[in-house]
Amino acid sequence: MTDGFERLNHDEVVSIEPDTFKKLEIAKTFKVRDLITAIKEYISAEETIEVDLYTDGLSCEVLKFSAQGWVKGKVRLALEFCPDDPDSPLDEIYQIHQQLKQIDQETLW
């Protein structure tokens, strides 16, 4: 988790803004597996075994920048989540400091 993202479990629930996926038939709140299923339907991959799509992977070839030609392997889908940075405790301390300064200035008048 070097970039803050962590892979979501297929039964975890996600809630998104209603207009996020305009072309996918998916509810505003859904399980990760439901999004995978909606993507499969959208790309017409209903015959693909769902487990293969996000666990075992699907056989494919990839033309990678670091390789000299096509590399055979597998590809799979994953949904990852990165929580927003929580407010720093220093933000609250700064806010209290600012309020105290303002009170101090008001009492001087």
PDB file of N, CA and C in Angstrom:
ATOM      1  N   MET A   1       0.833  -1.191   0.000  1.00  0.00           N
ATOM      2  CA  MET A   1       0.000   0.000   0.000  1.00  0.00           C
ATOM      3  C   MET A   1       0.872   1.248   0.000  1.00  0.00           C
ATOM      4  N   THR A   2       1.795   1.346  -0.917  1.00  0.00           N
ATOM      5  CA  THR A   2       2.731   2.456  -0.955  1.00  0.00           C
ATOM      6  C   THR A   2       2.083   3.765  -1.385  1.00  0.00           C
ATOM      7  N   ASP A   3       1.047   3.714  -2.224  1.00  0.00           N
ATOM      8  CA  ASP A   3       0.412   4.941  -2.691  1.00  0.00           C
ATOM      9  C   ASP A   3      -0.890   5.238  -1.956  1.00  0.00           C
ATOM     10  N   GLY A   4      -1.166   4.530  -0.877  1.00  0.00           N
ATOM     11  CA  GLY A   4      -2.362   4.778  -0.090  1.00  0.00           C
ATOM     12  C   GLY A   4      -3.562   3.959  -0.510  1.00  0.00           C
ATOM     13  N   PHE A   5      -3.477   3.258  -1.625  1.00  0.00           N
ATOM     14  CA  PHE A   5      -4.600   2.458  -2.098  1.00  0.00           C
ATOM     15  C   PHE A   5      -4.535   1.055  -1.521  1.00  0.00           C
ATOM     16  N   GLU A   6      -5.697   0.517  -1.194  1.00  0.00           N
ATOM     17  CA  GLU A   6      -5.783  -0.857  -0.724  1.00  0.00           C
ATOM     18  C   GLU A   6      -6.888  -1.574  -1.499  1.00  0.00           C
ATOM     19  N   ARG A   7      -6.656  -2.823  -1.801  1.00  0.00           N
ATOM     20  CA  ARG A   7      -7.619  -3.610  -2.565  1.00  0.00           C
ATOM     21  C   ARG A   7      -8.846  -3.886  -1.701  1.00  0.00           C
ATOM     22  N   LEU A   8     -10.031  -3.690  -2.278  1.00  0.00           N
ATOM     23  CA  LEU A   8     -11.270  -3.943  -1.562  1.00  0.00           C
ATOM     24  C   LEU A   8     -11.680  -5.402  -1.706  1.00  0.00           C
ATOM     25  N   ASN A   9     -12.265  -5.943  -0.652  1.00  0.00           N
ATOM     26  CA  ASN A   9     -12.839  -7.282  -0.665  1.00  0.00           C
ATOM     27  C   ASN A   9     -14.089  -7.253  -1.542  1.00  0.00           C
ATOM     28  N   HIS A  10     -14.389  -8.353  -2.193  1.00  0.00           N
ATOM     29  CA  HIS A  10     -15.504  -8.389  -3.149  1.00  0.00           C
ATOM     30  C   HIS A  10     -16.868  -8.213  -2.496  1.00  0.00           C
ATOM     31  N   ASP A  11     -16.964  -8.385  -1.175  1.00  0.00           N
ATOM     32  CA  ASP A  11     -18.238  -8.202  -0.484  1.00  0.00           C
ATOM     33  C   ASP A  11     -18.330  -6.858   0.238  1.00  0.00           C
ATOM     34  N   GLU A  12     -17.299  -6.022   0.126  1.00  0.00           N
ATOM     35  CA  GLU A  12     -17.360  -4.705   0.752  1.00  0.00           C
ATOM     36  C   GLU A  12     -18.288  -3.807  -0.061  1.00  0.00           C
ATOM     37  N   VAL A  13     -18.871  -2.839   0.609  1.00  0.00           N
ATOM     38  CA  VAL A  13     -19.891  -1.988   0.000  1.00  0.00           C
ATOM     39  C   VAL A  13     -19.304  -0.615  -0.310  1.00  0.00           C
ATOM     40  N   VAL A  14     -19.638  -0.105  -1.494  1.00  0.00           N
ATOM     41  CA  VAL A  14     -19.152   1.190  -1.970  1.00  0.00           C
ATOM     42  C   VAL A  14     -20.361   2.069  -2.268  1.00  0.00           C
ATOM     43  N   SER A  15     -20.281   3.341  -1.944  1.00  0.00           N
ATOM     44  CA  SER A  15     -21.326   4.301  -2.284  1.00  0.00           C
ATOM     45  C   SER A  15     -20.678   5.407  -3.113  1.00  0.00           C
ATOM     46  N   ILE A  16     -21.279   5.727  -4.252  1.00  0.00           N
ATOM     47  CA  ILE A  16     -20.717   6.721  -5.170  1.00  0.00           C
ATOM     48  C   ILE A  16     -21.756   7.782  -5.497  1.00  0.00           C
ATOM     49  N   GLU A  17     -21.307   8.861  -6.096  1.00  0.00           N
ATOM     50  CA  GLU A  17     -22.228   9.882  -6.581  1.00  0.00           C
ATOM     51  C   GLU A  17     -23.066   9.270  -7.703  1.00  0.00           C
ATOM     52  N   PRO A  18     -24.344   9.606  -7.785  1.00  0.00           N
ATOM     53  CA  PRO A  18     -25.236   8.962  -8.764  1.00  0.00           C
ATOM     54  C   PRO A  18     -24.778   9.035 -10.219  1.00  0.00           C
ATOM     55  N   ASP A  19     -24.115  10.104 -10.628  1.00  0.00           N
ATOM     56  CA  ASP A  19     -23.739  10.262 -12.035  1.00  0.00           C
ATOM     57  C   ASP A  19     -22.342   9.745 -12.360  1.00  0.00           C
ATOM     58  N   THR A  20     -21.707   9.029 -11.456  1.00  0.00           N
ATOM     59  CA  THR A  20     -20.341   8.569 -11.680  1.00  0.00           C
ATOM     60  C   THR A  20     -20.243   7.613 -12.856  1.00  0.00           C
ATOM     61  N   PHE A  21     -21.107   6.612 -12.884  1.00  0.00           N
ATOM     62  CA  PHE A  21     -21.093   5.625 -13.967  1.00  0.00           C
ATOM     63  C   PHE A  21     -22.351   5.802 -14.802  1.00  0.00           C
ATOM     64  N   LYS A  22     -22.279   6.615 -15.841  1.00  0.00           N
ATOM     65  CA  LYS A  22     -23.457   6.892 -16.658  1.00  0.00           C
ATOM     66  C   LYS A  22     -23.826   5.730 -17.566  1.00  0.00           C
ATOM     67  N   LYS A  23     -22.841   4.943 -18.000  1.00  0.00           N
ATOM     68  CA  LYS A  23     -23.115   3.875 -18.957  1.00  0.00           C
ATOM     69  C   LYS A  23     -23.244   2.505 -18.305  1.00  0.00           C
ATOM     70  N   LEU A  24     -22.948   2.401 -17.026  1.00  0.00           N
ATOM     71  CA  LEU A  24     -23.068   1.118 -16.335  1.00  0.00           C
ATOM     72  C   LEU A  24     -24.374   1.081 -15.559  1.00  0.00           C
ATOM     73  N   GLU A  25     -25.037  -0.058 -15.609  1.00  0.00           N
ATOM     74  CA  GLU A  25     -26.258  -0.217 -14.829  1.00  0.00           C
ATOM     75  C   GLU A  25     -25.864  -0.690 -13.437  1.00  0.00           C
ATOM     76  N   ILE A  26     -25.700   0.275 -12.549  1.00  0.00           N
ATOM     77  CA  ILE A  26     -25.263  -0.032 -11.184  1.00  0.00           C
ATOM     78  C   ILE A  26     -25.931   0.958 -10.236  1.00  0.00           C
ATOM     79  N   ALA A  27     -26.300   0.477  -9.061  1.00  0.00           N
ATOM     80  CA  ALA A  27     -26.933   1.330  -8.061  1.00  0.00           C
ATOM     81  C   ALA A  27     -25.913   2.306  -7.475  1.00  0.00           C
ATOM     82  N   LYS A  28     -26.408   3.278  -6.726  1.00  0.00           N
ATOM     83  CA  LYS A  28     -25.522   4.247  -6.075  1.00  0.00           C
ATOM     84  C   LYS A  28     -24.674   3.568  -5.000  1.00  0.00           C
ATOM     85  N   THR A  29     -25.244   2.574  -4.333  1.00  0.00           N
ATOM     86  CA  THR A  29     -24.535   1.809  -3.311  1.00  0.00           C
ATOM     87  C   THR A  29     -24.512   0.357  -3.755  1.00  0.00           C
ATOM     88  N   PHE A  30     -23.324  -0.247  -3.768  1.00  0.00           N
ATOM     89  CA  PHE A  30     -23.194  -1.592  -4.326  1.00  0.00           C
ATOM     90  C   PHE A  30     -22.011  -2.317  -3.709  1.00  0.00           C
ATOM     91  N   LYS A  31     -22.028  -3.644  -3.850  1.00  0.00           N
ATOM     92  CA  LYS A  31     -20.868  -4.444  -3.461  1.00  0.00           C
ATOM     93  C   LYS A  31     -19.860  -4.392  -4.600  1.00  0.00           C
ATOM     94  N   VAL A  32     -18.601  -4.572  -4.272  1.00  0.00           N
ATOM     95  CA  VAL A  32     -17.537  -4.564  -5.279  1.00  0.00           C
ATOM     96  C   VAL A  32     -17.846  -5.573  -6.376  1.00  0.00           C
ATOM     97  N   ARG A  33     -18.317  -6.769  -5.996  1.00  0.00           N
ATOM     98  CA  ARG A  33     -18.625  -7.795  -6.999  1.00  0.00           C
ATOM     99  C   ARG A  33     -19.712  -7.328  -7.976  1.00  0.00           C
ATOM    100  N   ASP A  34     -20.638  -6.463  -7.512  1.00  0.00           N
ATOM    101  CA  ASP A  34     -21.687  -5.948  -8.397  1.00  0.00           C
ATOM    102  C   ASP A  34     -21.099  -5.033  -9.468  1.00  0.00           C
ATOM    103  N   LEU A  35     -20.094  -4.251  -9.105  1.00  0.00           N
ATOM    104  CA  LEU A  35     -19.433  -3.397 -10.094  1.00  0.00           C
ATOM    105  C   LEU A  35     -18.703  -4.250 -11.121  1.00  0.00           C
ATOM    106  N   ILE A  36     -18.027  -5.298 -10.665  1.00  0.00           N
ATOM    107  CA  ILE A  36     -17.329  -6.204 -11.592  1.00  0.00           C
ATOM    108  C   ILE A  36     -18.337  -6.809 -12.570  1.00  0.00           C
ATOM    109  N   THR A  37     -19.493  -7.228 -12.050  1.00  0.00           N
ATOM    110  CA  THR A  37     -20.531  -7.812 -12.905  1.00  0.00           C
ATOM    111  C   THR A  37     -21.035  -6.784 -13.912  1.00  0.00           C
ATOM    112  N   ALA A  38     -21.258  -5.540 -13.472  1.00  0.00           N
ATOM    113  CA  ALA A  38     -21.728  -4.486 -14.382  1.00  0.00           C
ATOM    114  C   ALA A  38     -20.701  -4.217 -15.475  1.00  0.00           C
ATOM    115  N   ILE A  39     -19.424  -4.224 -15.126  1.00  0.00           N
ATOM    116  CA  ILE A  39     -18.368  -4.020 -16.128  1.00  0.00           C
ATOM    117  C   ILE A  39     -18.369  -5.173 -17.119  1.00  0.00           C
ATOM    118  N   LYS A  40     -18.512  -6.398 -16.609  1.00  0.00           N
ATOM    119  CA  LYS A  40     -18.560  -7.565 -17.500  1.00  0.00           C
ATOM    120  C   LYS A  40     -19.703  -7.437 -18.502  1.00  0.00           C
ATOM    121  N   GLU A  41     -20.879  -7.026 -18.014  1.00  0.00           N
ATOM    122  CA  GLU A  41     -22.032  -6.872 -18.901  1.00  0.00           C
ATOM    123  C   GLU A  41     -21.781  -5.766 -19.920  1.00  0.00           C
ATOM    124  N   TYR A  42     -21.168  -4.670 -19.482  1.00  0.00           N
ATOM    125  CA  TYR A  42     -20.911  -3.546 -20.376  1.00  0.00           C
ATOM    126  C   TYR A  42     -19.943  -3.918 -21.492  1.00  0.00           C
ATOM    127  N   ILE A  43     -18.937  -4.736 -21.169  1.00  0.00           N
ATOM    128  CA  ILE A  43     -17.963  -5.115 -22.197  1.00  0.00           C
ATOM    129  C   ILE A  43     -18.332  -6.434 -22.871  1.00  0.00           C
ATOM    130  N   SER A  44     -19.560  -6.867 -22.627  1.00  0.00           N
ATOM    131  CA  SER A  44     -20.076  -8.106 -23.236  1.00  0.00           C
ATOM    132  C   SER A  44     -19.206  -9.308 -22.907  1.00  0.00           C
ATOM    133  N   ALA A  45     -18.862  -9.460 -21.642  1.00  0.00           N
ATOM    134  CA  ALA A  45     -18.051 -10.596 -21.207  1.00  0.00           C
ATOM    135  C   ALA A  45     -18.835 -11.471 -20.236  1.00  0.00           C
ATOM    136  N   GLU A  46     -20.166 -11.564 -20.450  1.00  0.00           N
ATOM    137  CA  GLU A  46     -21.002 -12.330 -19.532  1.00  0.00           C
ATOM    138  C   GLU A  46     -20.591 -13.793 -19.453  1.00  0.00           C
ATOM    139  N   GLU A  47     -20.042 -14.341 -20.550  1.00  0.00           N
ATOM    140  CA  GLU A  47     -19.654 -15.748 -20.555  1.00  0.00           C
ATOM    141  C   GLU A  47     -18.406 -15.993 -19.714  1.00  0.00           C
ATOM    142  N   THR A  48     -17.668 -14.943 -19.422  1.00  0.00           N
ATOM    143  CA  THR A  48     -16.441 -15.069 -18.642  1.00  0.00           C
ATOM    144  C   THR A  48     -16.800 -15.436 -17.211  1.00  0.00           C
ATOM    145  N   ILE A  49     -16.113 -16.411 -16.683  1.00  0.00           N
ATOM    146  CA  ILE A  49     -16.355 -16.790 -15.298  1.00  0.00           C
ATOM    147  C   ILE A  49     -15.907 -15.637 -14.410  1.00  0.00           C
ATOM    148  N   GLU A  50     -16.817 -15.185 -13.541  1.00  0.00           N
ATOM    149  CA  GLU A  50     -16.545 -14.010 -12.710  1.00  0.00           C
ATOM    150  C   GLU A  50     -15.272 -14.174 -11.886  1.00  0.00           C
ATOM    151  N   VAL A  51     -15.067 -15.364 -11.344  1.00  0.00           N
ATOM    152  CA  VAL A  51     -13.872 -15.611 -10.538  1.00  0.00           C
ATOM    153  C   VAL A  51     -12.613 -15.340 -11.350  1.00  0.00           C
ATOM    154  N   ASP A  52     -12.604 -15.752 -12.612  1.00  0.00           N
ATOM    155  CA  ASP A  52     -11.435 -15.531 -13.458  1.00  0.00           C
ATOM    156  C   ASP A  52     -11.155 -14.048 -13.648  1.00  0.00           C
ATOM    157  N   LEU A  53     -12.214 -13.253 -13.717  1.00  0.00           N
ATOM    158  CA  LEU A  53     -12.053 -11.833 -13.997  1.00  0.00           C
ATOM    159  C   LEU A  53     -11.358 -11.093 -12.860  1.00  0.00           C
ATOM    160  N   TYR A  54     -11.598 -11.507 -11.607  1.00  0.00           N
ATOM    161  CA  TYR A  54     -10.963 -10.755 -10.521  1.00  0.00           C
ATOM    162  C   TYR A  54     -10.188 -11.588  -9.513  1.00  0.00           C
ATOM    163  N   THR A  55      -9.945 -12.857  -9.803  1.00  0.00           N
ATOM    164  CA  THR A  55      -9.066 -13.633  -8.915  1.00  0.00           C
ATOM    165  C   THR A  55      -7.974 -14.326  -9.713  1.00  0.00           C
ATOM    166  N   ASP A  56      -8.354 -15.328 -10.505  1.00  0.00           N
ATOM    167  CA  ASP A  56      -7.367 -16.098 -11.265  1.00  0.00           C
ATOM    168  C   ASP A  56      -6.779 -15.301 -12.419  1.00  0.00           C
ATOM    169  N   GLY A  57      -7.567 -14.431 -13.005  1.00  0.00           N
ATOM    170  CA  GLY A  57      -7.125 -13.653 -14.155  1.00  0.00           C
ATOM    171  C   GLY A  57      -7.509 -14.313 -15.465  1.00  0.00           C
ATOM    172  N   LEU A  58      -7.538 -13.526 -16.512  1.00  0.00           N
ATOM    173  CA  LEU A  58      -7.864 -13.998 -17.860  1.00  0.00           C
ATOM    174  C   LEU A  58      -6.586 -14.030 -18.683  1.00  0.00           C
ATOM    175  N   SER A  59      -6.406 -15.085 -19.449  1.00  0.00           N
ATOM    176  CA  SER A  59      -5.214 -15.195 -20.298  1.00  0.00           C
ATOM    177  C   SER A  59      -5.193 -14.061 -21.308  1.00  0.00           C
ATOM    178  N   CYS A  60      -4.017 -13.504 -21.519  1.00  0.00           N
ATOM    179  CA  CYS A  60      -3.890 -12.388 -22.451  1.00  0.00           C
ATOM    180  C   CYS A  60      -2.430 -12.223 -22.852  1.00  0.00           C
ATOM    181  N   GLU A  61      -2.195 -11.233 -23.698  1.00  0.00           N
ATOM    182  CA  GLU A  61      -0.848 -10.789 -24.038  1.00  0.00           C
ATOM    183  C   GLU A  61      -0.802  -9.287 -23.820  1.00  0.00           C
ATOM    184  N   VAL A  62       0.309  -8.803 -23.310  1.00  0.00           N
ATOM    185  CA  VAL A  62       0.463  -7.378 -23.026  1.00  0.00           C
ATOM    186  C   VAL A  62       1.737  -6.880 -23.693  1.00  0.00           C
ATOM    187  N   LEU A  63       1.632  -5.737 -24.346  1.00  0.00           N
ATOM    188  CA  LEU A  63       2.797  -5.084 -24.927  1.00  0.00           C
ATOM    189  C   LEU A  63       3.256  -4.039 -23.914  1.00  0.00           C
ATOM    190  N   LYS A  64       4.272  -4.380 -23.136  1.00  0.00           N
ATOM    191  CA  LYS A  64       4.751  -3.516 -22.059  1.00  0.00           C
ATOM    192  C   LYS A  64       5.910  -2.660 -22.546  1.00  0.00           C
ATOM    193  N   PHE A  65       6.037  -1.476 -21.969  1.00  0.00           N
ATOM    194  CA  PHE A  65       7.138  -0.588 -22.321  1.00  0.00           C
ATOM    195  C   PHE A  65       8.484  -1.222 -21.995  1.00  0.00           C
ATOM    196  N   SER A  66       8.539  -1.972 -20.900  1.00  0.00           N
ATOM    197  CA  SER A  66       9.807  -2.537 -20.445  1.00  0.00           C
ATOM    198  C   SER A  66      10.163  -3.856 -21.122  1.00  0.00           C
ATOM    199  N   ALA A  67       9.270  -4.387 -21.952  1.00  0.00           N
ATOM    200  CA  ALA A  67       9.531  -5.680 -22.599  1.00  0.00           C
ATOM    201  C   ALA A  67       9.846  -5.468 -24.078  1.00  0.00           C
ATOM    202  N   GLN A  68      10.460  -6.469 -24.653  1.00  0.00           N
ATOM    203  CA  GLN A  68      10.755  -6.407 -26.086  1.00  0.00           C
ATOM    204  C   GLN A  68       9.743  -7.287 -26.805  1.00  0.00           C
ATOM    205  N   GLY A  69       8.568  -6.741 -27.022  1.00  0.00           N
ATOM    206  CA  GLY A  69       7.506  -7.492 -27.681  1.00  0.00           C
ATOM    207  C   GLY A  69       6.405  -7.865 -26.700  1.00  0.00           C
ATOM    208  N   TRP A  70       5.505  -8.707 -27.194  1.00  0.00           N
ATOM    209  CA  TRP A  70       4.347  -9.121 -26.414  1.00  0.00           C
ATOM    210  C   TRP A  70       4.755 -10.095 -25.323  1.00  0.00           C
ATOM    211  N   VAL A  71       4.129  -9.955 -24.144  1.00  0.00           N
ATOM    212  CA  VAL A  71       4.383 -10.841 -23.013  1.00  0.00           C
ATOM    213  C   VAL A  71       3.073 -11.547 -22.674  1.00  0.00           C
ATOM    214  N   LYS A  72       3.107 -12.889 -22.670  1.00  0.00           N
ATOM    215  CA  LYS A  72       1.912 -13.655 -22.321  1.00  0.00           C
ATOM    216  C   LYS A  72       1.752 -13.681 -20.811  1.00  0.00           C
ATOM    217  N   GLY A  73       0.497 -13.658 -20.372  1.00  0.00           N
ATOM    218  CA  GLY A  73       0.220 -13.695 -18.939  1.00  0.00           C
ATOM    219  C   GLY A  73      -1.265 -13.642 -18.680  1.00  0.00           C
ATOM    220  N   LYS A  74      -1.635 -13.043 -17.578  1.00  0.00           N
ATOM    221  CA  LYS A  74      -3.039 -12.927 -17.190  1.00  0.00           C
ATOM    222  C   LYS A  74      -3.321 -11.502 -16.746  1.00  0.00           C
ATOM    223  N   VAL A  75      -4.569 -11.102 -16.914  1.00  0.00           N
ATOM    224  CA  VAL A  75      -5.025  -9.788 -16.488  1.00  0.00           C
ATOM    225  C   VAL A  75      -6.260  -9.990 -15.614  1.00  0.00           C
ATOM    226  N   ARG A  76      -6.406  -9.147 -14.595  1.00  0.00           N
ATOM    227  CA  ARG A  76      -7.587  -9.239 -13.746  1.00  0.00           C
ATOM    228  C   ARG A  76      -7.999  -7.849 -13.284  1.00  0.00           C
ATOM    229  N   LEU A  77      -9.255  -7.731 -12.906  1.00  0.00           N
ATOM    230  CA  LEU A  77      -9.796  -6.470 -12.418  1.00  0.00           C
ATOM    231  C   LEU A  77      -9.706  -6.424 -10.902  1.00  0.00           C
ATOM    232  N   ALA A  78      -9.475  -5.251 -10.376  1.00  0.00           N
ATOM    233  CA  ALA A  78      -9.471  -5.048  -8.926  1.00  0.00           C
ATOM    234  C   ALA A  78      -9.991  -3.648  -8.645  1.00  0.00           C
ATOM    235  N   LEU A  79     -10.722  -3.514  -7.575  1.00  0.00           N
ATOM    236  CA  LEU A  79     -11.190  -2.207  -7.144  1.00  0.00           C
ATOM    237  C   LEU A  79     -10.395  -1.842  -5.901  1.00  0.00           C
ATOM    238  N   GLU A  80      -9.749  -0.690  -5.950  1.00  0.00           N
ATOM    239  CA  GLU A  80      -8.919  -0.254  -4.835  1.00  0.00           C
ATOM    240  C   GLU A  80      -9.482   1.033  -4.250  1.00  0.00           C
ATOM    241  N   PHE A  81      -9.179   1.268  -2.998  1.00  0.00           N
ATOM    242  CA  PHE A  81      -9.706   2.414  -2.269  1.00  0.00           C
ATOM    243  C   PHE A  81      -8.558   3.141  -1.576  1.00  0.00           C
ATOM    244  N   CYS A  82      -8.602   4.456  -1.612  1.00  0.00           N
ATOM    245  CA  CYS A  82      -7.625   5.277  -0.900  1.00  0.00           C
ATOM    246  C   CYS A  82      -8.407   6.292  -0.071  1.00  0.00           C
ATOM    247  N   PRO A  83      -8.373   6.165   1.259  1.00  0.00           N
ATOM    248  CA  PRO A  83      -9.124   7.115   2.084  1.00  0.00           C
ATOM    249  C   PRO A  83      -8.557   8.523   1.956  1.00  0.00           C
ATOM    250  N   ASP A  84      -9.453   9.513   2.007  1.00  0.00           N
ATOM    251  CA  ASP A  84      -9.009  10.907   2.018  1.00  0.00           C
ATOM    252  C   ASP A  84      -8.171  11.133   3.264  1.00  0.00           C
ATOM    253  N   ASP A  85      -7.216  12.032   3.154  1.00  0.00           N
ATOM    254  CA  ASP A  85      -6.392  12.351   4.315  1.00  0.00           C
ATOM    255  C   ASP A  85      -7.269  12.991   5.382  1.00  0.00           C
ATOM    256  N   PRO A  86      -7.230  12.458   6.593  1.00  0.00           N
ATOM    257  CA  PRO A  86      -8.002  13.100   7.664  1.00  0.00           C
ATOM    258  C   PRO A  86      -7.376  14.449   7.999  1.00  0.00           C
ATOM    259  N   ASP A  87      -8.193  15.312   8.583  1.00  0.00           N
ATOM    260  CA  ASP A  87      -7.657  16.607   9.002  1.00  0.00           C
ATOM    261  C   ASP A  87      -6.537  16.378  10.000  1.00  0.00           C
ATOM    262  N   SER A  88      -5.502  17.121   9.840  1.00  0.00           N
ATOM    263  CA  SER A  88      -4.356  17.016  10.741  1.00  0.00           C
ATOM    264  C   SER A  88      -4.742  17.548  12.121  1.00  0.00           C
ATOM    265  N   PRO A  89      -4.264  16.908  13.189  1.00  0.00           N
ATOM    266  CA  PRO A  89      -4.519  17.449  14.532  1.00  0.00           C
ATOM    267  C   PRO A  89      -3.970  18.867  14.672  1.00  0.00           C
ATOM    268  N   LEU A  90      -2.953  19.184  13.886  1.00  0.00           N
ATOM    269  CA  LEU A  90      -2.388  20.533  13.934  1.00  0.00           C
ATOM    270  C   LEU A  90      -3.372  21.570  13.407  1.00  0.00           C
ATOM    271  N   ASP A  91      -4.261  21.164  12.480  1.00  0.00           N
ATOM    272  CA  ASP A  91      -5.264  22.095  11.963  1.00  0.00           C
ATOM    273  C   ASP A  91      -6.163  22.584  13.092  1.00  0.00           C
ATOM    274  N   GLU A  92      -6.573  21.659  13.959  1.00  0.00           N
ATOM    275  CA  GLU A  92      -7.437  22.024  15.079  1.00  0.00           C
ATOM    276  C   GLU A  92      -6.698  22.936  16.062  1.00  0.00           C
ATOM    277  N   ILE A  93      -5.446  22.621  16.330  1.00  0.00           N
ATOM    278  CA  ILE A  93      -4.642  23.454  17.233  1.00  0.00           C
ATOM    279  C   ILE A  93      -4.488  24.859  16.653  1.00  0.00           C
ATOM    280  N   TYR A  94      -4.229  24.950  15.347  1.00  0.00           N
ATOM    281  CA  TYR A  94      -4.087  26.246  14.690  1.00  0.00           C
ATOM    282  C   TYR A  94      -5.392  27.037  14.788  1.00  0.00           C
ATOM    283  N   GLN A  95      -6.516  26.357  14.582  1.00  0.00           N
ATOM    284  CA  GLN A  95      -7.810  27.023  14.641  1.00  0.00           C
ATOM    285  C   GLN A  95      -8.068  27.566  16.054  1.00  0.00           C
ATOM    286  N   ILE A  96      -7.772  26.779  17.072  1.00  0.00           N
ATOM    287  CA  ILE A  96      -7.937  27.233  18.453  1.00  0.00           C
ATOM    288  C   ILE A  96      -7.017  28.422  18.730  1.00  0.00           C
ATOM    289  N   HIS A  97      -5.794  28.346  18.243  1.00  0.00           N
ATOM    290  CA  HIS A  97      -4.836  29.444  18.411  1.00  0.00           C
ATOM    291  C   HIS A  97      -5.381  30.728  17.781  1.00  0.00           C
ATOM    292  N   GLN A  98      -5.942  30.617  16.587  1.00  0.00           N
ATOM    293  CA  GLN A  98      -6.492  31.788  15.904  1.00  0.00           C
ATOM    294  C   GLN A  98      -7.661  32.370  16.692  1.00  0.00           C
ATOM    295  N   GLN A  99      -8.509  31.502  17.234  1.00  0.00           N
ATOM    296  CA  GLN A  99      -9.646  31.975  18.026  1.00  0.00           C
ATOM    297  C   GLN A  99      -9.174  32.692  19.287  1.00  0.00           C
ATOM    298  N   LEU A 100      -8.161  32.132  19.934  1.00  0.00           N
ATOM    299  CA  LEU A 100      -7.618  32.769  21.138  1.00  0.00           C
ATOM    300  C   LEU A 100      -6.998  34.128  20.819  1.00  0.00           C
ATOM    301  N   LYS A 101      -6.312  34.226  19.677  1.00  0.00           N
ATOM    302  CA  LYS A 101      -5.739  35.512  19.265  1.00  0.00           C
ATOM    303  C   LYS A 101      -6.839  36.535  19.047  1.00  0.00           C
ATOM    304  N   GLN A 102      -7.928  36.099  18.426  1.00  0.00           N
ATOM    305  CA  GLN A 102      -9.034  37.013  18.147  1.00  0.00           C
ATOM    306  C   GLN A 102      -9.673  37.480  19.459  1.00  0.00           C
ATOM    307  N   ILE A 103      -9.874  36.556  20.395  1.00  0.00           N
ATOM    308  CA  ILE A 103     -10.440  36.917  21.696  1.00  0.00           C
ATOM    309  C   ILE A 103      -9.510  37.887  22.417  1.00  0.00           C
ATOM    310  N   ASP A 104      -8.227  37.624  22.346  1.00  0.00           N
ATOM    311  CA  ASP A 104      -7.230  38.476  22.990  1.00  0.00           C
ATOM    312  C   ASP A 104      -7.274  39.885  22.409  1.00  0.00           C
ATOM    313  N   GLN A 105      -7.398  39.997  21.094  1.00  0.00           N
ATOM    314  CA  GLN A 105      -7.458  41.306  20.447  1.00  0.00           C
ATOM    315  C   GLN A 105      -8.740  42.035  20.819  1.00  0.00           C
ATOM    316  N   GLU A 106      -9.837  41.308  20.940  1.00  0.00           N
ATOM    317  CA  GLU A 106     -11.116  41.931  21.289  1.00  0.00           C
ATOM    318  C   GLU A 106     -11.096  42.470  22.717  1.00  0.00           C
ATOM    319  N   THR A 107     -10.406  41.776  23.601  1.00  0.00           N
ATOM    320  CA  THR A 107     -10.350  42.236  24.995  1.00  0.00           C
ATOM    321  C   THR A 107      -9.445  43.452  25.166  1.00  0.00           C
ATOM    322  N   LEU A 108      -8.535  43.668  24.212  1.00  0.00           N
ATOM    323  CA  LEU A 108      -7.662  44.838  24.285  1.00  0.00           C
ATOM    324  C   LEU A 108      -8.425  46.118  23.972  1.00  0.00           C
ATOM    325  N   TRP A 109      -9.467  46.059  23.227  1.00  0.00           N
ATOM    326  CA  TRP A 109     -10.211  47.258  22.845  1.00  0.00           C
ATOM    327  C   TRP A 109     -11.036  47.671  23.990  1.00  0.00           C
TER     328      TRP A 109
END
